[in-house]
N, C-alpha and C. Protein backbone atom coordinates (compact mmCIF):
# COMPACT_ATOMS: atom_id res chain seq x y z
N MET A 1 -33.41 -29.32 -77.98
CA MET A 1 -32.52 -28.76 -76.99
C MET A 1 -33.32 -28.36 -75.75
N ILE A 2 -32.70 -28.48 -74.62
CA ILE A 2 -33.27 -27.99 -73.37
C ILE A 2 -33.19 -26.47 -73.39
N ALA A 3 -34.28 -25.78 -73.13
CA ALA A 3 -34.31 -24.32 -73.25
C ALA A 3 -34.48 -23.60 -71.91
N SER A 4 -34.65 -24.36 -70.82
CA SER A 4 -34.90 -23.73 -69.53
C SER A 4 -34.24 -24.57 -68.43
N ILE A 5 -33.52 -23.91 -67.55
CA ILE A 5 -32.90 -24.60 -66.42
C ILE A 5 -33.97 -25.27 -65.57
N SER A 6 -35.03 -24.54 -65.26
CA SER A 6 -36.06 -25.10 -64.38
C SER A 6 -36.74 -26.31 -65.02
N ASN A 7 -36.99 -26.25 -66.32
CA ASN A 7 -37.59 -27.41 -66.98
C ASN A 7 -36.66 -28.60 -66.97
N PHE A 8 -35.37 -28.35 -67.20
CA PHE A 8 -34.41 -29.46 -67.15
C PHE A 8 -34.37 -30.07 -65.76
N VAL A 9 -34.28 -29.24 -64.74
CA VAL A 9 -34.20 -29.73 -63.37
C VAL A 9 -35.42 -30.59 -63.05
N GLU A 10 -36.58 -30.12 -63.43
CA GLU A 10 -37.81 -30.88 -63.21
C GLU A 10 -37.75 -32.24 -63.91
N GLU A 11 -37.33 -32.22 -65.17
CA GLU A 11 -37.25 -33.46 -65.95
C GLU A 11 -36.18 -34.39 -65.38
N TRP A 12 -35.01 -33.85 -65.05
CA TRP A 12 -33.93 -34.68 -64.50
C TRP A 12 -34.39 -35.34 -63.20
N LYS A 13 -35.04 -34.58 -62.34
CA LYS A 13 -35.47 -35.15 -61.06
C LYS A 13 -36.44 -36.31 -61.28
N ARG A 14 -37.35 -36.17 -62.23
CA ARG A 14 -38.27 -37.28 -62.56
C ARG A 14 -37.50 -38.50 -63.04
N GLU A 15 -36.60 -38.28 -63.98
CA GLU A 15 -35.82 -39.38 -64.54
C GLU A 15 -34.88 -39.97 -63.50
N ALA A 16 -34.26 -39.13 -62.68
CA ALA A 16 -33.34 -39.61 -61.66
C ALA A 16 -34.06 -40.46 -60.63
N GLU A 17 -35.29 -40.12 -60.33
CA GLU A 17 -36.05 -40.93 -59.38
C GLU A 17 -36.28 -42.34 -59.96
N MET A 18 -36.53 -42.41 -61.26
CA MET A 18 -36.68 -43.72 -61.90
C MET A 18 -35.36 -44.50 -61.83
N THR A 19 -34.26 -43.83 -62.11
CA THR A 19 -32.96 -44.49 -62.06
C THR A 19 -32.65 -44.95 -60.65
N ALA A 20 -32.87 -44.10 -59.67
CA ALA A 20 -32.62 -44.46 -58.28
C ALA A 20 -33.49 -45.64 -57.85
N GLY A 21 -34.75 -45.64 -58.27
CA GLY A 21 -35.64 -46.75 -57.94
C GLY A 21 -35.16 -48.06 -58.56
N LEU A 22 -34.64 -47.98 -59.77
CA LEU A 22 -34.08 -49.16 -60.42
C LEU A 22 -32.87 -49.66 -59.63
N LEU A 23 -32.00 -48.75 -59.24
CA LEU A 23 -30.82 -49.12 -58.46
C LEU A 23 -31.21 -49.68 -57.10
N ASP A 24 -32.27 -49.17 -56.51
CA ASP A 24 -32.76 -49.70 -55.22
C ASP A 24 -33.18 -51.17 -55.34
N SER A 25 -33.55 -51.59 -56.54
CA SER A 25 -34.04 -52.95 -56.75
C SER A 25 -32.92 -53.97 -56.93
N LEU A 26 -31.69 -53.50 -57.06
CA LEU A 26 -30.57 -54.41 -57.28
C LEU A 26 -30.17 -55.11 -55.98
N THR A 27 -29.60 -56.29 -56.14
CA THR A 27 -29.02 -57.02 -55.02
C THR A 27 -27.53 -57.17 -55.29
N ASP A 28 -26.78 -57.46 -54.25
CA ASP A 28 -25.34 -57.64 -54.43
C ASP A 28 -25.05 -58.76 -55.44
N GLU A 29 -25.79 -59.84 -55.35
CA GLU A 29 -25.58 -60.96 -56.28
C GLU A 29 -25.92 -60.57 -57.72
N SER A 30 -26.96 -59.77 -57.91
CA SER A 30 -27.38 -59.41 -59.27
C SER A 30 -26.34 -58.55 -59.99
N LEU A 31 -25.48 -57.86 -59.24
CA LEU A 31 -24.50 -56.96 -59.85
C LEU A 31 -23.53 -57.70 -60.76
N LYS A 32 -23.41 -59.01 -60.58
CA LYS A 32 -22.48 -59.81 -61.38
C LYS A 32 -23.07 -60.26 -62.71
N ARG A 33 -24.36 -60.07 -62.89
CA ARG A 33 -25.05 -60.55 -64.09
C ARG A 33 -24.60 -59.79 -65.33
N ARG A 34 -24.32 -60.53 -66.39
CA ARG A 34 -23.96 -59.93 -67.67
C ARG A 34 -24.63 -60.72 -68.78
N ILE A 35 -24.89 -60.06 -69.89
CA ILE A 35 -25.58 -60.71 -71.00
C ILE A 35 -24.64 -61.62 -71.79
N ALA A 36 -23.36 -61.28 -71.82
CA ALA A 36 -22.34 -62.07 -72.49
C ALA A 36 -21.01 -61.82 -71.78
N GLU A 37 -20.10 -62.75 -71.93
CA GLU A 37 -18.83 -62.69 -71.20
C GLU A 37 -18.05 -61.40 -71.45
N ASP A 38 -18.13 -60.86 -72.64
CA ASP A 38 -17.34 -59.67 -72.97
C ASP A 38 -18.12 -58.36 -72.82
N ARG A 39 -19.23 -58.40 -72.12
CA ARG A 39 -20.08 -57.21 -71.93
C ARG A 39 -20.09 -56.77 -70.47
N ARG A 40 -20.60 -55.58 -70.26
CA ARG A 40 -20.68 -55.03 -68.91
C ARG A 40 -21.62 -55.86 -68.04
N THR A 41 -21.29 -55.90 -66.77
CA THR A 41 -22.20 -56.52 -65.80
C THR A 41 -23.27 -55.50 -65.42
N LEU A 42 -24.28 -55.97 -64.73
CA LEU A 42 -25.31 -55.08 -64.22
C LEU A 42 -24.68 -54.05 -63.28
N GLY A 43 -23.72 -54.49 -62.47
CA GLY A 43 -23.02 -53.56 -61.58
C GLY A 43 -22.20 -52.54 -62.35
N ASP A 44 -21.56 -52.98 -63.45
CA ASP A 44 -20.81 -52.04 -64.28
C ASP A 44 -21.73 -50.97 -64.86
N LEU A 45 -22.90 -51.38 -65.33
CA LEU A 45 -23.86 -50.42 -65.88
C LEU A 45 -24.33 -49.44 -64.81
N ALA A 46 -24.60 -49.96 -63.62
CA ALA A 46 -25.03 -49.09 -62.52
C ALA A 46 -23.93 -48.06 -62.21
N TRP A 47 -22.69 -48.52 -62.14
CA TRP A 47 -21.59 -47.61 -61.84
C TRP A 47 -21.40 -46.60 -62.96
N HIS A 48 -21.59 -47.03 -64.20
CA HIS A 48 -21.49 -46.13 -65.34
C HIS A 48 -22.54 -45.02 -65.25
N LEU A 49 -23.75 -45.36 -64.83
CA LEU A 49 -24.78 -44.32 -64.67
C LEU A 49 -24.36 -43.28 -63.65
N ILE A 50 -23.72 -43.72 -62.61
CA ILE A 50 -23.27 -42.81 -61.56
C ILE A 50 -22.15 -41.91 -62.07
N THR A 51 -21.13 -42.53 -62.65
CA THR A 51 -19.96 -41.75 -63.05
C THR A 51 -20.19 -40.93 -64.31
N SER A 52 -21.12 -41.33 -65.15
CA SER A 52 -21.35 -40.57 -66.38
C SER A 52 -21.96 -39.19 -66.10
N ILE A 53 -22.60 -39.02 -64.97
CA ILE A 53 -23.12 -37.69 -64.61
C ILE A 53 -21.96 -36.69 -64.54
N GLN A 54 -20.81 -37.18 -64.11
CA GLN A 54 -19.63 -36.33 -63.98
C GLN A 54 -19.15 -35.77 -65.31
N TYR A 55 -19.54 -36.38 -66.42
CA TYR A 55 -19.15 -35.87 -67.73
C TYR A 55 -19.64 -34.44 -67.91
N MET A 56 -20.64 -34.06 -67.16
CA MET A 56 -21.17 -32.70 -67.26
C MET A 56 -20.16 -31.67 -66.78
N ASN A 57 -19.12 -32.11 -66.08
CA ASN A 57 -18.03 -31.19 -65.71
C ASN A 57 -17.37 -30.63 -66.97
N ALA A 58 -17.37 -31.39 -68.05
CA ALA A 58 -16.78 -30.93 -69.31
C ALA A 58 -17.52 -29.72 -69.89
N LEU A 59 -18.74 -29.50 -69.43
CA LEU A 59 -19.52 -28.36 -69.89
C LEU A 59 -19.24 -27.10 -69.08
N GLY A 60 -18.34 -27.22 -68.11
CA GLY A 60 -18.00 -26.07 -67.28
C GLY A 60 -18.70 -26.07 -65.94
N LEU A 61 -19.45 -27.12 -65.65
CA LEU A 61 -20.07 -27.23 -64.33
C LEU A 61 -19.07 -27.82 -63.35
N ALA A 62 -19.01 -27.27 -62.16
CA ALA A 62 -18.09 -27.77 -61.15
C ALA A 62 -18.88 -28.43 -60.02
N PHE A 63 -18.73 -29.73 -59.91
CA PHE A 63 -19.33 -30.47 -58.80
C PHE A 63 -18.57 -31.76 -58.62
N GLU A 64 -18.63 -32.27 -57.41
CA GLU A 64 -17.91 -33.50 -57.08
C GLU A 64 -18.71 -34.72 -57.52
N GLY A 65 -18.02 -35.60 -58.20
CA GLY A 65 -18.63 -36.86 -58.62
C GLY A 65 -18.29 -37.97 -57.66
N ALA A 66 -18.39 -39.17 -58.14
CA ALA A 66 -18.07 -40.35 -57.35
C ALA A 66 -16.60 -40.69 -57.51
N ASP A 67 -16.05 -41.39 -56.54
CA ASP A 67 -14.67 -41.86 -56.62
C ASP A 67 -14.64 -43.06 -57.55
N GLU A 68 -14.12 -42.87 -58.75
CA GLU A 68 -14.18 -43.91 -59.78
C GLU A 68 -13.36 -45.15 -59.45
N ARG A 69 -12.48 -45.07 -58.50
CA ARG A 69 -11.60 -46.20 -58.23
C ARG A 69 -12.31 -47.38 -57.56
N ASP A 70 -13.39 -47.14 -56.85
CA ASP A 70 -13.98 -48.23 -56.08
C ASP A 70 -15.34 -48.70 -56.59
N GLY A 71 -15.72 -48.32 -57.78
CA GLY A 71 -17.04 -48.65 -58.30
C GLY A 71 -17.33 -50.12 -58.45
N ALA A 72 -16.35 -50.90 -58.88
CA ALA A 72 -16.58 -52.32 -59.17
C ALA A 72 -16.88 -53.13 -57.91
N ASN A 73 -16.49 -52.63 -56.77
CA ASN A 73 -16.67 -53.40 -55.53
C ASN A 73 -17.72 -52.85 -54.60
N ARG A 74 -18.56 -51.95 -55.08
CA ARG A 74 -19.57 -51.34 -54.23
C ARG A 74 -20.75 -52.28 -54.04
N PRO A 75 -21.31 -52.34 -52.84
CA PRO A 75 -22.55 -53.11 -52.68
C PRO A 75 -23.72 -52.37 -53.34
N ALA A 76 -24.77 -53.10 -53.65
CA ALA A 76 -25.92 -52.53 -54.36
C ALA A 76 -26.49 -51.32 -53.61
N SER A 77 -26.58 -51.41 -52.31
CA SER A 77 -27.16 -50.30 -51.53
C SER A 77 -26.32 -49.04 -51.66
N ALA A 78 -25.00 -49.18 -51.77
CA ALA A 78 -24.12 -48.02 -51.91
C ALA A 78 -24.27 -47.40 -53.29
N LEU A 79 -24.51 -48.22 -54.31
CA LEU A 79 -24.69 -47.68 -55.66
C LEU A 79 -25.89 -46.75 -55.72
N ALA A 80 -27.00 -47.17 -55.14
CA ALA A 80 -28.20 -46.34 -55.14
C ALA A 80 -27.95 -45.04 -54.38
N ARG A 81 -27.28 -45.12 -53.27
CA ARG A 81 -26.96 -43.93 -52.48
C ARG A 81 -26.01 -43.01 -53.24
N ASP A 82 -24.97 -43.59 -53.86
CA ASP A 82 -24.01 -42.79 -54.62
C ASP A 82 -24.69 -42.09 -55.79
N TYR A 83 -25.59 -42.79 -56.46
CA TYR A 83 -26.30 -42.17 -57.58
C TYR A 83 -27.07 -40.94 -57.10
N ARG A 84 -27.81 -41.08 -56.04
CA ARG A 84 -28.60 -39.96 -55.52
C ARG A 84 -27.70 -38.78 -55.16
N THR A 85 -26.57 -39.07 -54.53
CA THR A 85 -25.65 -38.01 -54.11
C THR A 85 -25.10 -37.25 -55.31
N VAL A 86 -24.58 -37.97 -56.32
CA VAL A 86 -24.00 -37.30 -57.48
C VAL A 86 -25.07 -36.57 -58.28
N SER A 87 -26.24 -37.17 -58.41
CA SER A 87 -27.34 -36.53 -59.12
C SER A 87 -27.73 -35.22 -58.44
N ASP A 88 -27.83 -35.23 -57.12
CA ASP A 88 -28.17 -34.01 -56.38
C ASP A 88 -27.10 -32.93 -56.56
N ARG A 89 -25.83 -33.34 -56.54
CA ARG A 89 -24.74 -32.37 -56.74
C ARG A 89 -24.80 -31.75 -58.13
N PHE A 90 -25.13 -32.57 -59.12
CA PHE A 90 -25.25 -32.11 -60.50
C PHE A 90 -26.35 -31.05 -60.61
N ILE A 91 -27.51 -31.35 -60.06
CA ILE A 91 -28.63 -30.41 -60.12
C ILE A 91 -28.29 -29.13 -59.37
N ASP A 92 -27.67 -29.26 -58.22
CA ASP A 92 -27.28 -28.08 -57.46
C ASP A 92 -26.31 -27.21 -58.27
N ALA A 93 -25.35 -27.85 -58.94
CA ALA A 93 -24.38 -27.10 -59.76
C ALA A 93 -25.08 -26.35 -60.88
N ILE A 94 -26.01 -26.99 -61.56
CA ILE A 94 -26.72 -26.32 -62.65
C ILE A 94 -27.49 -25.11 -62.12
N GLN A 95 -28.20 -25.29 -61.03
CA GLN A 95 -29.01 -24.20 -60.50
C GLN A 95 -28.16 -23.04 -59.98
N ARG A 96 -26.99 -23.32 -59.44
CA ARG A 96 -26.14 -22.27 -58.87
C ARG A 96 -25.21 -21.63 -59.90
N GLN A 97 -24.78 -22.41 -60.89
CA GLN A 97 -23.72 -21.94 -61.77
C GLN A 97 -24.19 -21.49 -63.16
N TRP A 98 -25.39 -21.88 -63.55
CA TRP A 98 -25.85 -21.57 -64.89
C TRP A 98 -27.13 -20.75 -64.88
N ASN A 99 -27.37 -20.09 -66.01
CA ASN A 99 -28.66 -19.48 -66.29
C ASN A 99 -29.04 -19.91 -67.70
N GLU A 100 -30.16 -19.44 -68.18
CA GLU A 100 -30.64 -19.88 -69.50
C GLU A 100 -29.64 -19.60 -70.62
N ALA A 101 -28.88 -18.53 -70.52
CA ALA A 101 -27.91 -18.21 -71.57
C ALA A 101 -26.85 -19.30 -71.72
N ASN A 102 -26.50 -19.96 -70.62
CA ASN A 102 -25.50 -21.04 -70.69
C ASN A 102 -25.96 -22.23 -71.52
N LEU A 103 -27.26 -22.37 -71.68
CA LEU A 103 -27.78 -23.50 -72.45
C LEU A 103 -27.42 -23.40 -73.93
N SER A 104 -27.19 -22.19 -74.42
CA SER A 104 -26.81 -21.99 -75.82
C SER A 104 -25.30 -21.99 -76.03
N ASP A 105 -24.54 -21.95 -74.93
CA ASP A 105 -23.08 -22.01 -75.06
C ASP A 105 -22.69 -23.32 -75.73
N ARG A 106 -21.65 -23.26 -76.54
CA ARG A 106 -21.18 -24.45 -77.24
C ARG A 106 -19.86 -24.94 -76.62
N VAL A 107 -19.79 -26.25 -76.47
CA VAL A 107 -18.60 -26.91 -75.94
C VAL A 107 -18.24 -28.03 -76.91
N GLU A 108 -16.95 -28.15 -77.21
CA GLU A 108 -16.53 -29.22 -78.11
C GLU A 108 -16.53 -30.55 -77.39
N ILE A 109 -17.26 -31.49 -77.98
CA ILE A 109 -17.35 -32.85 -77.44
C ILE A 109 -17.11 -33.80 -78.61
N ALA A 110 -16.10 -34.62 -78.48
CA ALA A 110 -15.76 -35.60 -79.51
C ALA A 110 -15.62 -34.94 -80.89
N GLY A 111 -15.00 -33.76 -80.91
CA GLY A 111 -14.73 -33.09 -82.16
C GLY A 111 -15.88 -32.29 -82.73
N GLU A 112 -17.01 -32.23 -82.01
CA GLU A 112 -18.17 -31.46 -82.47
C GLU A 112 -18.54 -30.41 -81.43
N ALA A 113 -19.05 -29.28 -81.90
CA ALA A 113 -19.51 -28.23 -80.99
C ALA A 113 -20.96 -28.51 -80.61
N TRP A 114 -21.18 -28.83 -79.34
CA TRP A 114 -22.52 -29.12 -78.83
C TRP A 114 -23.01 -27.95 -77.98
N LYS A 115 -24.27 -27.61 -78.15
CA LYS A 115 -24.88 -26.65 -77.23
C LYS A 115 -25.07 -27.37 -75.89
N ASN A 116 -24.88 -26.63 -74.81
CA ASN A 116 -25.07 -27.22 -73.49
C ASN A 116 -26.47 -27.79 -73.32
N GLY A 117 -27.47 -27.13 -73.87
CA GLY A 117 -28.84 -27.63 -73.79
C GLY A 117 -29.00 -28.98 -74.47
N ASP A 118 -28.26 -29.18 -75.57
CA ASP A 118 -28.28 -30.48 -76.25
C ASP A 118 -27.57 -31.55 -75.42
N SER A 119 -26.49 -31.15 -74.78
CA SER A 119 -25.76 -32.10 -73.92
C SER A 119 -26.63 -32.53 -72.74
N LEU A 120 -27.39 -31.60 -72.19
CA LEU A 120 -28.29 -31.96 -71.08
C LEU A 120 -29.36 -32.93 -71.55
N ARG A 121 -29.90 -32.69 -72.73
CA ARG A 121 -30.90 -33.62 -73.28
C ARG A 121 -30.28 -34.99 -73.48
N PHE A 122 -29.05 -35.03 -74.00
CA PHE A 122 -28.36 -36.30 -74.18
C PHE A 122 -28.18 -37.01 -72.84
N ALA A 123 -27.86 -36.27 -71.79
CA ALA A 123 -27.69 -36.88 -70.46
C ALA A 123 -28.97 -37.58 -70.01
N LEU A 124 -30.11 -36.96 -70.29
CA LEU A 124 -31.40 -37.60 -69.96
C LEU A 124 -31.59 -38.89 -70.75
N MET A 125 -31.33 -38.84 -72.04
CA MET A 125 -31.51 -40.01 -72.91
C MET A 125 -30.52 -41.11 -72.57
N HIS A 126 -29.33 -40.72 -72.19
CA HIS A 126 -28.29 -41.69 -71.81
C HIS A 126 -28.75 -42.51 -70.60
N GLN A 127 -29.33 -41.83 -69.62
CA GLN A 127 -29.83 -42.53 -68.44
C GLN A 127 -30.93 -43.53 -68.84
N ALA A 128 -31.85 -43.09 -69.68
CA ALA A 128 -32.94 -43.97 -70.10
C ALA A 128 -32.41 -45.18 -70.88
N HIS A 129 -31.44 -44.95 -71.74
CA HIS A 129 -30.83 -46.02 -72.53
C HIS A 129 -30.28 -47.12 -71.62
N HIS A 130 -29.50 -46.73 -70.63
CA HIS A 130 -28.89 -47.73 -69.76
C HIS A 130 -29.89 -48.35 -68.78
N ARG A 131 -30.91 -47.61 -68.39
CA ARG A 131 -31.97 -48.24 -67.57
C ARG A 131 -32.61 -49.38 -68.34
N GLY A 132 -32.84 -49.17 -69.64
CA GLY A 132 -33.42 -50.23 -70.46
C GLY A 132 -32.55 -51.47 -70.48
N GLN A 133 -31.25 -51.28 -70.65
CA GLN A 133 -30.34 -52.42 -70.62
C GLN A 133 -30.41 -53.13 -69.27
N MET A 134 -30.46 -52.33 -68.22
CA MET A 134 -30.45 -52.90 -66.88
C MET A 134 -31.70 -53.72 -66.58
N THR A 135 -32.85 -53.30 -67.10
CA THR A 135 -34.06 -54.07 -66.81
C THR A 135 -33.98 -55.47 -67.39
N VAL A 136 -33.36 -55.63 -68.54
CA VAL A 136 -33.19 -56.96 -69.13
C VAL A 136 -32.29 -57.81 -68.24
N LEU A 137 -31.17 -57.25 -67.83
CA LEU A 137 -30.26 -57.99 -66.96
C LEU A 137 -30.89 -58.30 -65.61
N MET A 138 -31.71 -57.39 -65.11
CA MET A 138 -32.39 -57.65 -63.84
C MET A 138 -33.32 -58.85 -63.98
N ARG A 139 -34.06 -58.90 -65.05
CA ARG A 139 -34.96 -60.05 -65.27
C ARG A 139 -34.15 -61.35 -65.35
N GLN A 140 -33.03 -61.30 -66.06
CA GLN A 140 -32.20 -62.49 -66.16
C GLN A 140 -31.63 -62.91 -64.80
N ALA A 141 -31.44 -61.94 -63.92
CA ALA A 141 -30.93 -62.22 -62.58
C ALA A 141 -32.04 -62.61 -61.61
N GLY A 142 -33.27 -62.69 -62.11
CA GLY A 142 -34.39 -63.09 -61.26
C GLY A 142 -35.01 -61.96 -60.46
N LEU A 143 -34.68 -60.72 -60.81
CA LEU A 143 -35.25 -59.57 -60.11
C LEU A 143 -36.44 -59.02 -60.88
N ARG A 144 -37.30 -58.37 -60.17
CA ARG A 144 -38.44 -57.69 -60.78
C ARG A 144 -38.11 -56.22 -60.92
N PRO A 145 -37.93 -55.75 -62.15
CA PRO A 145 -37.65 -54.32 -62.30
C PRO A 145 -38.90 -53.49 -62.01
N PRO A 146 -38.70 -52.29 -61.52
CA PRO A 146 -39.86 -51.42 -61.30
C PRO A 146 -40.41 -50.92 -62.63
N GLY A 147 -41.67 -50.54 -62.63
CA GLY A 147 -42.23 -49.91 -63.82
C GLY A 147 -41.56 -48.57 -64.02
N LEU A 148 -41.15 -48.29 -65.22
CA LEU A 148 -40.48 -47.02 -65.50
C LEU A 148 -41.42 -46.09 -66.25
N TYR A 149 -41.75 -46.42 -67.47
CA TYR A 149 -42.64 -45.57 -68.26
C TYR A 149 -44.02 -46.19 -68.40
N GLY A 150 -44.26 -47.21 -67.65
CA GLY A 150 -45.55 -47.88 -67.69
C GLY A 150 -45.50 -49.13 -66.84
N PRO A 151 -46.61 -49.85 -66.78
CA PRO A 151 -46.66 -51.03 -65.93
C PRO A 151 -45.74 -52.15 -66.44
N THR A 152 -45.25 -52.94 -65.50
CA THR A 152 -44.48 -54.13 -65.86
C THR A 152 -45.44 -55.28 -66.14
N TYR A 153 -44.91 -56.34 -66.64
CA TYR A 153 -45.68 -57.55 -66.90
C TYR A 153 -46.42 -57.98 -65.62
N GLU A 154 -45.70 -57.98 -64.51
CA GLU A 154 -46.28 -58.40 -63.24
C GLU A 154 -47.37 -57.44 -62.77
N THR A 155 -47.19 -56.17 -63.02
CA THR A 155 -48.19 -55.18 -62.61
C THR A 155 -49.51 -55.42 -63.35
N TRP A 156 -49.42 -55.74 -64.63
CA TRP A 156 -50.64 -56.05 -65.39
C TRP A 156 -51.39 -57.20 -64.72
N ILE A 157 -50.68 -58.25 -64.38
CA ILE A 157 -51.31 -59.43 -63.77
C ILE A 157 -51.90 -59.05 -62.42
N GLU A 158 -51.16 -58.32 -61.61
CA GLU A 158 -51.65 -57.90 -60.28
C GLU A 158 -52.91 -57.04 -60.38
N GLN A 159 -53.06 -56.33 -61.47
CA GLN A 159 -54.23 -55.50 -61.67
C GLN A 159 -55.37 -56.26 -62.33
N GLY A 160 -55.19 -57.58 -62.50
CA GLY A 160 -56.22 -58.41 -63.07
C GLY A 160 -56.39 -58.24 -64.57
N MET A 161 -55.37 -57.75 -65.24
CA MET A 161 -55.45 -57.53 -66.67
C MET A 161 -54.56 -58.54 -67.40
N ALA A 162 -54.91 -58.81 -68.62
CA ALA A 162 -54.08 -59.70 -69.43
C ALA A 162 -52.84 -58.92 -69.88
N PRO A 163 -51.63 -59.39 -69.48
CA PRO A 163 -50.44 -58.66 -69.89
C PRO A 163 -50.18 -58.81 -71.38
N ARG A 164 -49.58 -57.80 -71.91
CA ARG A 164 -49.17 -57.86 -73.30
C ARG A 164 -47.75 -58.41 -73.34
N ALA A 165 -47.63 -59.58 -73.88
CA ALA A 165 -46.32 -60.27 -73.87
C ALA A 165 -45.40 -59.72 -74.92
């Protein structure tokens, strides 16, 4: 569980910068890429990352999210901008509306009582989960994903090292 607002904010900002950097790497054409016909496109995943931050409103945080009606038609540059905006609003809401005691408050989610600190941790992991999916689709779309938790295949080569395949 997340036990400190300041620690969460620090961690979220680090993770959000990775997500924003990934979104910055998208092109309008790449947004149409999907792994299978019945699965989300790269653009759908990007929009989901943006709108899923709003789920934190269910924890009692009040902040404005993205307009869900126009997500499917947003250009890549707007997705990156929208992500940064909603992420900043989320962090501002936590810092202004909560203190450490709120992290132990329980909210029912999908029939279970979750501590807010656990929900915040889940939000971090959720972002990482979808970034991983997106890097695969980016490669399939011919894009070079940025290094997230370590060097990419290309970075190894550029550094004169044998990449681990």
